[in-house]
Amino acid sequence: MTISGFTFIRNGITYGYQFLEAIQSILPICDECIVVVGNSDDDTREAILALGSPKIKIIDAIWDDSKREGGRVLADQTNIALDHITGDWGFYIQGDEVIHEKHLPEIHAAMQANLDDRRIDGLLFHYRHFYGSYDYIATSRDWYRKEIRVIRNDKTIRSWRDAQGFRKNVNGKMVKLRVKQLDAFVNHYGWARPPKVMQSKNNYFRRLWHPDSEIHETNVDSFDYSGIDVLEQFTDSHPAVMEAFIKRVNWEFKPDLTIKRYSVKNRISNFVEGLTGWRMGEYKNYEIIK
């Protein structure tokens, strides 16, 4: 069995991405790692080369800004990486996602166990969404709980919409992948940046989802984290590859954890889930196979 990691990144240093840590977190179980590096204005490419891993294969790419609406360019970049993988499985990681080393044995074992089961298109992970700093996670139902991060090397599988997940082309129709649920987590650090870096990243990313006519520049230079609905203290350990990064960039963020800003919709949904265990209206871009 062979495993190909794959990812994409552009201006990772400028916008505070943990892209080096993301790559390093999956490398131990990968035979190769395809990294599509977009036309950057910083030293993103040089930083990846400096990792010095013979497993890493850089593909240079130019982002097509005409496809920016709806985040389509992100899916395009993911598909470039996907087209270059050679392993039996592809292990996808985004530039603000990191896998804890304690989960790697389980992930590898699941790939091996399902290698010959052609019913299984991929493996499904739980998510932790860090918010504000590296000490808190967002826990309301507005944050997705699961997503596919391992897929079979099947060229009918493509990145879906804004590259959050995947679907498979079956007779011209894009259908959900059939997956096995893992106990493993993805640590998503996309919303854990110092306020000035977070605001800069948000300004940049608005242009990937909206045309110029819908973008209204503001004079705000620091992101306001105070509007979050529900947060919890994170008490577990971070991946070892994140220790130096967190020590370097973490900032003092002290939210009031007693505040719960549930919308009416979420209050109703919480009540229903408490009674039935069913999370109403949850987006599920996959089909779980028992």
C-alpha atoms as a PDB file:
ATOM      1  CA  MET A   1       0.000   0.000   0.000  1.00  0.00           C
ATOM      2  CA  THR A   2       1.252   3.455  -0.907  1.00  0.00           C
ATOM      3  CA  ILE A   3       0.019   6.824   0.350  1.00  0.00           C
ATOM      4  CA  SER A   4       0.223  10.228  -1.301  1.00  0.00           C
ATOM      5  CA  GLY A   5      -0.230  13.381   0.711  1.00  0.00           C
ATOM      6  CA  PHE A   6      -1.550  16.361  -1.222  1.00  0.00           C
ATOM      7  CA  THR A   7      -2.231  20.024  -0.547  1.00  0.00           C
ATOM      8  CA  PHE A   8      -2.027  23.522  -2.016  1.00  0.00           C
ATOM      9  CA  ILE A   9      -0.881  26.867  -0.666  1.00  0.00           C
ATOM     10  CA  ARG A  10      -0.316  30.468  -1.750  1.00  0.00           C
ATOM     11  CA  ASN A  11       1.126  33.285   0.373  1.00  0.00           C
ATOM     12  CA  GLY A  12       1.128  30.976   3.370  1.00  0.00           C
ATOM     13  CA  ILE A  13       3.583  33.076   5.372  1.00  0.00           C
ATOM     14  CA  THR A  14       1.835  36.389   4.746  1.00  0.00           C
ATOM     15  CA  TYR A  15      -1.535  35.139   5.961  1.00  0.00           C
ATOM     16  CA  GLY A  16      -0.349  33.099   8.924  1.00  0.00           C
ATOM     17  CA  TYR A  17      -1.006  29.582   7.628  1.00  0.00           C
ATOM     18  CA  GLN A  18       0.370  26.542   9.436  1.00  0.00           C
ATOM     19  CA  PHE A  19       1.228  25.038   6.049  1.00  0.00           C
ATOM     20  CA  LEU A  20       4.655  23.695   7.031  1.00  0.00           C
ATOM     21  CA  GLU A  21       3.200  22.045  10.118  1.00  0.00           C
ATOM     22  CA  ALA A  22       0.283  20.685   8.052  1.00  0.00           C
ATOM     23  CA  ILE A  23       2.670  18.998   5.623  1.00  0.00           C
ATOM     24  CA  GLN A  24       4.921  17.694   8.394  1.00  0.00           C
ATOM     25  CA  SER A  25       1.966  16.252  10.300  1.00  0.00           C
ATOM     26  CA  ILE A  26       1.078  13.777   7.537  1.00  0.00           C
ATOM     27  CA  LEU A  27       4.551  13.079   6.104  1.00  0.00           C
ATOM     28  CA  PRO A  28       5.385  10.167   8.462  1.00  0.00           C
ATOM     29  CA  ILE A  29       2.810   7.871   6.821  1.00  0.00           C
ATOM     30  CA  CYS A  30       3.108   9.236   3.281  1.00  0.00           C
ATOM     31  CA  ASP A  31       5.344   7.895   0.532  1.00  0.00           C
ATOM     32  CA  GLU A  32       5.122  11.233  -1.272  1.00  0.00           C
ATOM     33  CA  CYS A  33       3.502  14.599  -0.673  1.00  0.00           C
ATOM     34  CA  ILE A  34       2.307  16.713  -3.599  1.00  0.00           C
ATOM     35  CA  VAL A  35       2.329  20.437  -2.779  1.00  0.00           C
ATOM     36  CA  VAL A  36       0.833  22.818  -5.334  1.00  0.00           C
ATOM     37  CA  VAL A  37       2.377  26.234  -4.688  1.00  0.00           C
ATOM     38  CA  GLY A  38       0.526  29.185  -6.145  1.00  0.00           C
ATOM     39  CA  ASN A  39       2.140  32.372  -7.401  1.00  0.00           C
ATOM     40  CA  SER A  40       3.085  33.877  -4.036  1.00  0.00           C
ATOM     41  CA  ASP A  41       4.445  37.236  -2.979  1.00  0.00           C
ATOM     42  CA  ASP A  42       6.363  35.800  -0.032  1.00  0.00           C
ATOM     43  CA  ASP A  43       8.794  32.952   0.639  1.00  0.00           C
ATOM     44  CA  THR A  44       6.183  30.181   0.837  1.00  0.00           C
ATOM     45  CA  ARG A  45       7.915  28.050  -1.804  1.00  0.00           C
ATOM     46  CA  GLU A  46      11.347  28.507  -0.260  1.00  0.00           C
ATOM     47  CA  ALA A  47      10.022  27.533   3.171  1.00  0.00           C
ATOM     48  CA  ILE A  48       8.645  24.264   1.800  1.00  0.00           C
ATOM     49  CA  LEU A  49      11.950  23.486   0.087  1.00  0.00           C
ATOM     50  CA  ALA A  50      13.746  24.205   3.361  1.00  0.00           C
ATOM     51  CA  LEU A  51      11.907  21.294   4.990  1.00  0.00           C
ATOM     52  CA  GLY A  52      14.359  19.161   3.035  1.00  0.00           C
ATOM     53  CA  SER A  53      12.100  16.142   2.636  1.00  0.00           C
ATOM     54  CA  PRO A  54      12.645  13.974  -0.451  1.00  0.00           C
ATOM     55  CA  LYS A  55       8.971  12.988  -0.183  1.00  0.00           C
ATOM     56  CA  ILE A  56       7.807  16.509  -1.075  1.00  0.00           C
ATOM     57  CA  LYS A  57       7.101  17.234  -4.737  1.00  0.00           C
ATOM     58  CA  ILE A  58       6.314  20.854  -5.559  1.00  0.00           C
ATOM     59  CA  ILE A  59       4.011  21.708  -8.457  1.00  0.00           C
ATOM     60  CA  ASP A  60       4.090  25.398  -9.391  1.00  0.00           C
ATOM     61  CA  ALA A  61       0.750  26.902 -10.372  1.00  0.00           C
ATOM     62  CA  ILE A  62      -0.790  30.225 -11.356  1.00  0.00           C
ATOM     63  CA  TRP A  63      -4.169  30.956  -9.784  1.00  0.00           C
ATOM     64  CA  ASP A  64      -6.929  31.761 -12.238  1.00  0.00           C
ATOM     65  CA  ASP A  65      -8.529  34.813 -10.641  1.00  0.00           C
ATOM     66  CA  SER A  66     -11.434  34.628 -13.073  1.00  0.00           C
ATOM     67  CA  LYS A  67     -12.626  31.575 -11.112  1.00  0.00           C
ATOM     68  CA  ARG A  68     -12.441  33.190  -7.718  1.00  0.00           C
ATOM     69  CA  GLU A  69     -16.181  33.543  -7.038  1.00  0.00           C
ATOM     70  CA  GLY A  70     -17.484  30.854  -4.708  1.00  0.00           C
ATOM     71  CA  GLY A  71     -13.951  29.725  -3.932  1.00  0.00           C
ATOM     72  CA  ARG A  72     -13.756  27.718  -7.159  1.00  0.00           C
ATOM     73  CA  VAL A  73     -10.055  28.457  -7.568  1.00  0.00           C
ATOM     74  CA  LEU A  74      -9.417  26.528  -4.332  1.00  0.00           C
ATOM     75  CA  ALA A  75     -11.020  23.423  -5.820  1.00  0.00           C
ATOM     76  CA  ASP A  76      -8.984  23.912  -9.000  1.00  0.00           C
ATOM     77  CA  GLN A  77      -5.743  23.989  -7.016  1.00  0.00           C
ATOM     78  CA  THR A  78      -6.783  20.913  -5.052  1.00  0.00           C
ATOM     79  CA  ASN A  79      -7.517  19.052  -8.270  1.00  0.00           C
ATOM     80  CA  ILE A  80      -4.090  19.922  -9.677  1.00  0.00           C
ATOM     81  CA  ALA A  81      -2.554  18.239  -6.641  1.00  0.00           C
ATOM     82  CA  LEU A  82      -5.001  15.345  -6.849  1.00  0.00           C
ATOM     83  CA  ASP A  83      -4.079  14.721 -10.496  1.00  0.00           C
ATOM     84  CA  HIS A  84      -0.435  14.212  -9.516  1.00  0.00           C
ATOM     85  CA  ILE A  85      -0.827  11.672  -6.709  1.00  0.00           C
ATOM     86  CA  THR A  86       0.410   8.143  -7.406  1.00  0.00           C
ATOM     87  CA  GLY A  87      -0.451   6.251  -4.209  1.00  0.00           C
ATOM     88  CA  ASP A  88      -3.315   3.896  -3.494  1.00  0.00           C
ATOM     89  CA  TRP A  89      -4.725   6.544  -1.158  1.00  0.00           C
ATOM     90  CA  GLY A  90      -4.560  10.335  -1.141  1.00  0.00           C
ATOM     91  CA  PHE A  91      -4.222  12.052   2.244  1.00  0.00           C
ATOM     92  CA  TYR A  92      -5.508  15.618   1.850  1.00  0.00           C
ATOM     93  CA  ILE A  93      -4.531  18.391   4.206  1.00  0.00           C
ATOM     94  CA  GLN A  94      -5.237  22.102   3.913  1.00  0.00           C
ATOM     95  CA  GLY A  95      -2.779  24.797   4.928  1.00  0.00           C
ATOM     96  CA  ASP A  96      -4.529  25.539   8.230  1.00  0.00           C
ATOM     97  CA  GLU A  97      -5.184  21.915   9.225  1.00  0.00           C
ATOM     98  CA  VAL A  98      -2.859  19.714  11.274  1.00  0.00           C
ATOM     99  CA  ILE A  99      -3.116  16.059  12.310  1.00  0.00           C
ATOM    100  CA  HIS A 100      -1.998  14.992  15.780  1.00  0.00           C
ATOM    101  CA  GLU A 101       0.688  12.320  15.625  1.00  0.00           C
ATOM    102  CA  LYS A 102      -1.331  10.099  17.975  1.00  0.00           C
ATOM    103  CA  HIS A 103      -3.897   9.572  15.205  1.00  0.00           C
ATOM    104  CA  LEU A 104      -1.465   8.428  12.493  1.00  0.00           C
ATOM    105  CA  PRO A 105      -1.453   4.710  13.444  1.00  0.00           C
ATOM    106  CA  GLU A 106      -5.267   4.583  13.303  1.00  0.00           C
ATOM    107  CA  ILE A 107      -5.375   6.400   9.963  1.00  0.00           C
ATOM    108  CA  HIS A 108      -2.757   4.124   8.432  1.00  0.00           C
ATOM    109  CA  ALA A 109      -4.488   1.024   9.773  1.00  0.00           C
ATOM    110  CA  ALA A 110      -7.841   2.152   8.321  1.00  0.00           C
ATOM    111  CA  MET A 111      -6.276   2.679   4.899  1.00  0.00           C
ATOM    112  CA  GLN A 112      -4.804  -0.814   5.023  1.00  0.00           C
ATOM    113  CA  ALA A 113      -8.022  -2.424   6.285  1.00  0.00           C
ATOM    114  CA  ASN A 114     -10.144  -0.822   3.535  1.00  0.00           C
ATOM    115  CA  LEU A 115      -7.669  -1.024   0.679  1.00  0.00           C
ATOM    116  CA  ASP A 116      -9.451  -3.872  -1.094  1.00  0.00           C
ATOM    117  CA  ASP A 117     -12.998  -2.877  -0.177  1.00  0.00           C
ATOM    118  CA  ARG A 118     -14.080  -1.014  -3.296  1.00  0.00           C
ATOM    119  CA  ARG A 119     -17.257   0.141  -1.568  1.00  0.00           C
ATOM    120  CA  ILE A 120     -15.138   2.597   0.374  1.00  0.00           C
ATOM    121  CA  ASP A 121     -14.130   5.805  -1.397  1.00  0.00           C
ATOM    122  CA  GLY A 122     -12.555   7.552   1.571  1.00  0.00           C
ATOM    123  CA  LEU A 123     -12.171   8.097   5.293  1.00  0.00           C
ATOM    124  CA  LEU A 124     -14.079  10.633   7.395  1.00  0.00           C
ATOM    125  CA  PHE A 125     -12.503  12.695  10.187  1.00  0.00           C
ATOM    126  CA  HIS A 126     -13.876  14.632  13.149  1.00  0.00           C
ATOM    127  CA  TYR A 127     -12.993  18.336  13.363  1.00  0.00           C
ATOM    128  CA  ARG A 128     -11.873  20.762  16.048  1.00  0.00           C
ATOM    129  CA  HIS A 129     -12.188  24.409  15.044  1.00  0.00           C
ATOM    130  CA  PHE A 130      -9.843  26.639  17.043  1.00  0.00           C
ATOM    131  CA  TYR A 131     -11.065  30.172  17.426  1.00  0.00           C
ATOM    132  CA  GLY A 132      -9.317  33.328  18.557  1.00  0.00           C
ATOM    133  CA  SER A 133      -6.223  31.718  20.012  1.00  0.00           C
ATOM    134  CA  TYR A 134      -4.931  28.172  20.296  1.00  0.00           C
ATOM    135  CA  ASP A 135      -6.601  27.808  23.695  1.00  0.00           C
ATOM    136  CA  TYR A 136     -10.254  27.754  22.604  1.00  0.00           C
ATOM    137  CA  ILE A 137     -12.488  25.842  20.205  1.00  0.00           C
ATOM    138  CA  ALA A 138     -15.783  26.867  18.643  1.00  0.00           C
ATOM    139  CA  THR A 139     -18.472  24.325  19.436  1.00  0.00           C
ATOM    140  CA  SER A 140     -21.768  25.627  18.047  1.00  0.00           C
ATOM    141  CA  ARG A 141     -23.598  23.828  15.262  1.00  0.00           C
ATOM    142  CA  ASP A 142     -22.597  26.515  12.777  1.00  0.00           C
ATOM    143  CA  TRP A 143     -19.216  24.801  12.442  1.00  0.00           C
ATOM    144  CA  TYR A 144     -18.957  21.585  10.441  1.00  0.00           C
ATOM    145  CA  ARG A 145     -18.198  18.540  12.555  1.00  0.00           C
ATOM    146  CA  LYS A 146     -16.800  16.116   9.970  1.00  0.00           C
ATOM    147  CA  GLU A 147     -15.132  16.040   6.576  1.00  0.00           C
ATOM    148  CA  ILE A 148     -13.307  13.651   4.240  1.00  0.00           C
ATOM    149  CA  ARG A 149      -9.531  13.868   4.293  1.00  0.00           C
ATOM    150  CA  VAL A 150      -8.464  10.505   2.865  1.00  0.00           C
ATOM    151  CA  ILE A 151      -9.661   9.419  -0.575  1.00  0.00           C
ATOM    152  CA  ARG A 152      -8.978   6.495  -2.838  1.00  0.00           C
ATOM    153  CA  ASN A 153      -6.788   7.334  -5.850  1.00  0.00           C
ATOM    154  CA  ASP A 154      -9.698   7.278  -8.252  1.00  0.00           C
ATOM    155  CA  LYS A 155      -9.536   9.930 -10.957  1.00  0.00           C
ATOM    156  CA  THR A 156     -13.325  10.257 -10.978  1.00  0.00           C
ATOM    157  CA  ILE A 157     -13.069  11.824  -7.508  1.00  0.00           C
ATOM    158  CA  ARG A 158     -12.805  15.604  -7.615  1.00  0.00           C
ATOM    159  CA  SER A 159     -12.638  18.489  -5.175  1.00  0.00           C
ATOM    160  CA  TRP A 160     -16.132  19.808  -4.439  1.00  0.00           C
ATOM    161  CA  ARG A 161     -17.169  23.469  -4.535  1.00  0.00           C
ATOM    162  CA  ASP A 162     -14.694  25.504  -2.439  1.00  0.00           C
ATOM    163  CA  ALA A 163     -12.429  22.512  -1.724  1.00  0.00           C
ATOM    164  CA  GLN A 164     -13.881  21.651   1.681  1.00  0.00           C
ATOM    165  CA  GLY A 165     -14.710  18.104   0.545  1.00  0.00           C
ATOM    166  CA  PHE A 166     -14.931  15.744  -2.428  1.00  0.00           C
ATOM    167  CA  ARG A 167     -17.421  14.086  -4.743  1.00  0.00           C
ATOM    168  CA  LYS A 168     -17.272  11.392  -7.411  1.00  0.00           C
ATOM    169  CA  ASN A 169     -18.300  11.589 -11.052  1.00  0.00           C
ATOM    170  CA  VAL A 170     -20.671   8.708 -11.781  1.00  0.00           C
ATOM    171  CA  ASN A 171     -22.111   8.826 -15.289  1.00  0.00           C
ATOM    172  CA  GLY A 172     -21.839  12.588 -15.379  1.00  0.00           C
ATOM    173  CA  LYS A 173     -23.380  13.156 -11.943  1.00  0.00           C
ATOM    174  CA  MET A 174     -21.324  14.253  -8.940  1.00  0.00           C
ATOM    175  CA  VAL A 175     -22.313  11.945  -6.083  1.00  0.00           C
ATOM    176  CA  LYS A 176     -21.293  11.801  -2.428  1.00  0.00           C
ATOM    177  CA  LEU A 177     -18.393   9.551  -1.470  1.00  0.00           C
ATOM    178  CA  ARG A 178     -18.941   6.402   0.566  1.00  0.00           C
ATOM    179  CA  VAL A 179     -16.728   6.629   3.628  1.00  0.00           C
ATOM    180  CA  LYS A 180     -15.684   4.983   6.870  1.00  0.00           C
ATOM    181  CA  GLN A 181     -15.786   7.125  10.007  1.00  0.00           C
ATOM    182  CA  LEU A 182     -12.536   7.369  11.979  1.00  0.00           C
ATOM    183  CA  ASP A 183     -12.051   8.405  15.597  1.00  0.00           C
ATOM    184  CA  ALA A 184      -9.237  10.697  14.436  1.00  0.00           C
ATOM    185  CA  PHE A 185      -9.496  14.496  14.511  1.00  0.00           C
ATOM    186  CA  VAL A 186      -8.322  17.272  12.245  1.00  0.00           C
ATOM    187  CA  ASN A 187      -7.223  20.373  14.144  1.00  0.00           C
ATOM    188  CA  HIS A 188      -8.425  23.344  12.101  1.00  0.00           C
ATOM    189  CA  TYR A 189      -6.519  26.496  13.024  1.00  0.00           C
ATOM    190  CA  GLY A 190      -7.940  28.808  10.372  1.00  0.00           C
ATOM    191  CA  TRP A 191      -9.645  31.095  12.889  1.00  0.00           C
ATOM    192  CA  ALA A 192      -6.809  31.150  15.415  1.00  0.00           C
ATOM    193  CA  ARG A 193      -4.672  34.063  14.318  1.00  0.00           C
ATOM    194  CA  PRO A 194      -3.644  37.338  15.959  1.00  0.00           C
ATOM    195  CA  PRO A 195      -6.339  39.937  15.132  1.00  0.00           C
ATOM    196  CA  LYS A 196      -4.331  41.907  12.551  1.00  0.00           C
ATOM    197  CA  VAL A 197      -3.289  38.771  10.665  1.00  0.00           C
ATOM    198  CA  MET A 198      -6.855  37.444  10.790  1.00  0.00           C
ATOM    199  CA  GLN A 199      -8.273  40.633   9.337  1.00  0.00           C
ATOM    200  CA  SER A 200      -5.675  40.653   6.569  1.00  0.00           C
ATOM    201  CA  LYS A 201      -6.494  37.048   5.690  1.00  0.00           C
ATOM    202  CA  ASN A 202     -10.234  37.779   5.667  1.00  0.00           C
ATOM    203  CA  ASN A 203      -9.770  40.767   3.360  1.00  0.00           C
ATOM    204  CA  TYR A 204      -7.814  38.568   0.985  1.00  0.00           C
ATOM    205  CA  PHE A 205     -10.262  35.664   1.101  1.00  0.00           C
ATOM    206  CA  ARG A 206     -13.320  37.786   0.428  1.00  0.00           C
ATOM    207  CA  ARG A 207     -11.943  38.143  -3.079  1.00  0.00           C
ATOM    208  CA  LEU A 208     -12.055  34.373  -3.551  1.00  0.00           C
ATOM    209  CA  TRP A 209     -15.793  34.230  -2.924  1.00  0.00           C
ATOM    210  CA  HIS A 210     -17.168  37.523  -4.209  1.00  0.00           C
ATOM    211  CA  PRO A 211     -16.830  39.703  -7.325  1.00  0.00           C
ATOM    212  CA  ASP A 212     -15.362  43.189  -6.980  1.00  0.00           C
ATOM    213  CA  SER A 213     -18.836  44.748  -7.089  1.00  0.00           C
ATOM    214  CA  GLU A 214     -19.750  43.029  -3.817  1.00  0.00           C
ATOM    215  CA  ILE A 215     -16.550  43.836  -1.950  1.00  0.00           C
ATOM    216  CA  HIS A 216     -16.592  46.883   0.280  1.00  0.00           C
ATOM    217  CA  GLU A 217     -13.271  47.873   1.782  1.00  0.00           C
ATOM    218  CA  THR A 218     -13.214  48.976   5.418  1.00  0.00           C
ATOM    219  CA  ASN A 219     -10.671  50.770   7.554  1.00  0.00           C
ATOM    220  CA  VAL A 220     -10.730  47.981  10.133  1.00  0.00           C
ATOM    221  CA  ASP A 221      -7.268  46.482  10.569  1.00  0.00           C
ATOM    222  CA  SER A 222      -7.962  44.051  13.434  1.00  0.00           C
ATOM    223  CA  PHE A 223     -10.495  41.236  13.454  1.00  0.00           C
ATOM    224  CA  ASP A 224     -13.138  41.402  16.213  1.00  0.00           C
ATOM    225  CA  TYR A 225     -13.406  37.970  17.846  1.00  0.00           C
ATOM    226  CA  SER A 226     -16.052  39.029  20.360  1.00  0.00           C
ATOM    227  CA  GLY A 227     -19.071  38.025  18.271  1.00  0.00           C
ATOM    228  CA  ILE A 228     -18.555  34.266  18.557  1.00  0.00           C
ATOM    229  CA  ASP A 229     -21.570  32.350  19.846  1.00  0.00           C
ATOM    230  CA  VAL A 230     -20.124  29.462  21.907  1.00  0.00           C
ATOM    231  CA  LEU A 231     -16.547  28.665  22.920  1.00  0.00           C
ATOM    232  CA  GLU A 232     -14.936  26.005  25.086  1.00  0.00           C
ATOM    233  CA  GLN A 233     -11.485  25.844  26.655  1.00  0.00           C
ATOM    234  CA  PHE A 234      -9.192  23.412  24.854  1.00  0.00           C
ATOM    235  CA  THR A 235      -7.556  21.115  27.394  1.00  0.00           C
ATOM    236  CA  ASP A 236      -5.976  18.436  25.192  1.00  0.00           C
ATOM    237  CA  SER A 237      -2.507  18.562  23.619  1.00  0.00           C
ATOM    238  CA  HIS A 238      -1.660  20.117  20.279  1.00  0.00           C
ATOM    239  CA  PRO A 239       0.314  18.149  17.677  1.00  0.00           C
ATOM    240  CA  ALA A 240       4.039  18.156  18.403  1.00  0.00           C
ATOM    241  CA  VAL A 241       4.773  19.912  15.098  1.00  0.00           C
ATOM    242  CA  MET A 242       2.647  22.861  16.293  1.00  0.00           C
ATOM    243  CA  GLU A 243       4.499  23.549  19.543  1.00  0.00           C
ATOM    244  CA  ALA A 244       7.043  26.028  18.154  1.00  0.00           C
ATOM    245  CA  PHE A 245       4.462  27.749  15.947  1.00  0.00           C
ATOM    246  CA  ILE A 246       2.048  28.270  18.845  1.00  0.00           C
ATOM    247  CA  LYS A 247       4.810  29.538  21.120  1.00  0.00           C
ATOM    248  CA  ARG A 248       5.794  32.049  18.452  1.00  0.00           C
ATOM    249  CA  VAL A 249       2.397  33.449  17.438  1.00  0.00           C
ATOM    250  CA  ASN A 250      -0.157  32.777  20.177  1.00  0.00           C
ATOM    251  CA  TRP A 251      -1.677  35.869  21.754  1.00  0.00           C
ATOM    252  CA  GLU A 252      -3.675  36.706  24.864  1.00  0.00           C
ATOM    253  CA  PHE A 253      -7.340  36.049  24.199  1.00  0.00           C
ATOM    254  CA  LYS A 254      -9.690  35.842  27.189  1.00  0.00           C
ATOM    255  CA  PRO A 255     -13.292  35.304  26.113  1.00  0.00           C
ATOM    256  CA  ASP A 256     -16.148  35.008  28.580  1.00  0.00           C
ATOM    257  CA  LEU A 257     -17.026  31.314  28.333  1.00  0.00           C
ATOM    258  CA  THR A 258     -20.282  31.817  30.208  1.00  0.00           C
ATOM    259  CA  ILE A 259     -21.764  33.759  27.275  1.00  0.00           C
ATOM    260  CA  LYS A 260     -23.828  31.588  24.922  1.00  0.00           C
ATOM    261  CA  ARG A 261     -25.203  33.470  21.924  1.00  0.00           C
ATOM    262  CA  TYR A 262     -27.553  30.852  20.483  1.00  0.00           C
ATOM    263  CA  SER A 263     -29.780  31.925  17.628  1.00  0.00           C
ATOM    264  CA  VAL A 264     -33.447  30.898  17.745  1.00  0.00           C
ATOM    265  CA  LYS A 265     -32.750  28.317  15.049  1.00  0.00           C
ATOM    266  CA  ASN A 266     -29.877  26.837  17.031  1.00  0.00           C
ATOM    267  CA  ARG A 267     -31.881  26.788  20.254  1.00  0.00           C
ATOM    268  CA  ILE A 268     -34.558  24.733  18.528  1.00  0.00           C
ATOM    269  CA  SER A 269     -31.965  22.489  16.914  1.00  0.00           C
ATOM    270  CA  ASN A 270     -30.209  21.961  20.257  1.00  0.00           C
ATOM    271  CA  PHE A 271     -33.520  20.982  21.842  1.00  0.00           C
ATOM    272  CA  VAL A 272     -34.310  18.473  19.082  1.00  0.00           C
ATOM    273  CA  GLU A 273     -30.811  16.999  19.179  1.00  0.00           C
ATOM    274  CA  GLY A 274     -31.027  16.611  22.940  1.00  0.00           C
ATOM    275  CA  LEU A 275     -34.228  14.592  22.591  1.00  0.00           C
ATOM    276  CA  THR A 276     -33.394  12.525  19.512  1.00  0.00           C
ATOM    277  CA  GLY A 277     -29.630  12.669  18.925  1.00  0.00           C
ATOM    278  CA  TRP A 278     -30.344  14.008  15.422  1.00  0.00           C
ATOM    279  CA  ARG A 279     -28.765  17.303  14.365  1.00  0.00           C
ATOM    280  CA  MET A 280     -31.364  18.856  12.123  1.00  0.00           C
ATOM    281  CA  GLY A 281     -30.184  20.596   8.964  1.00  0.00           C
ATOM    282  CA  GLU A 282     -26.579  19.410   9.258  1.00  0.00           C
ATOM    283  CA  TYR A 283     -24.678  19.464   5.954  1.00  0.00           C
ATOM    284  CA  LYS A 284     -23.258  16.027   5.175  1.00  0.00           C
ATOM    285  CA  ASN A 285     -21.248  15.744   1.994  1.00  0.00           C
ATOM    286  CA  TYR A 286     -20.678  11.997   2.420  1.00  0.00           C
ATOM    287  CA  GLU A 287     -22.391   8.645   2.930  1.00  0.00           C
ATOM    288  CA  ILE A 288     -21.138   6.700   5.944  1.00  0.00           C
ATOM    289  CA  ILE A 289     -20.693   2.947   5.407  1.00  0.00           C
ATOM    290  CA  LYS A 290     -20.810   0.820   8.550  1.00  0.00           C
END
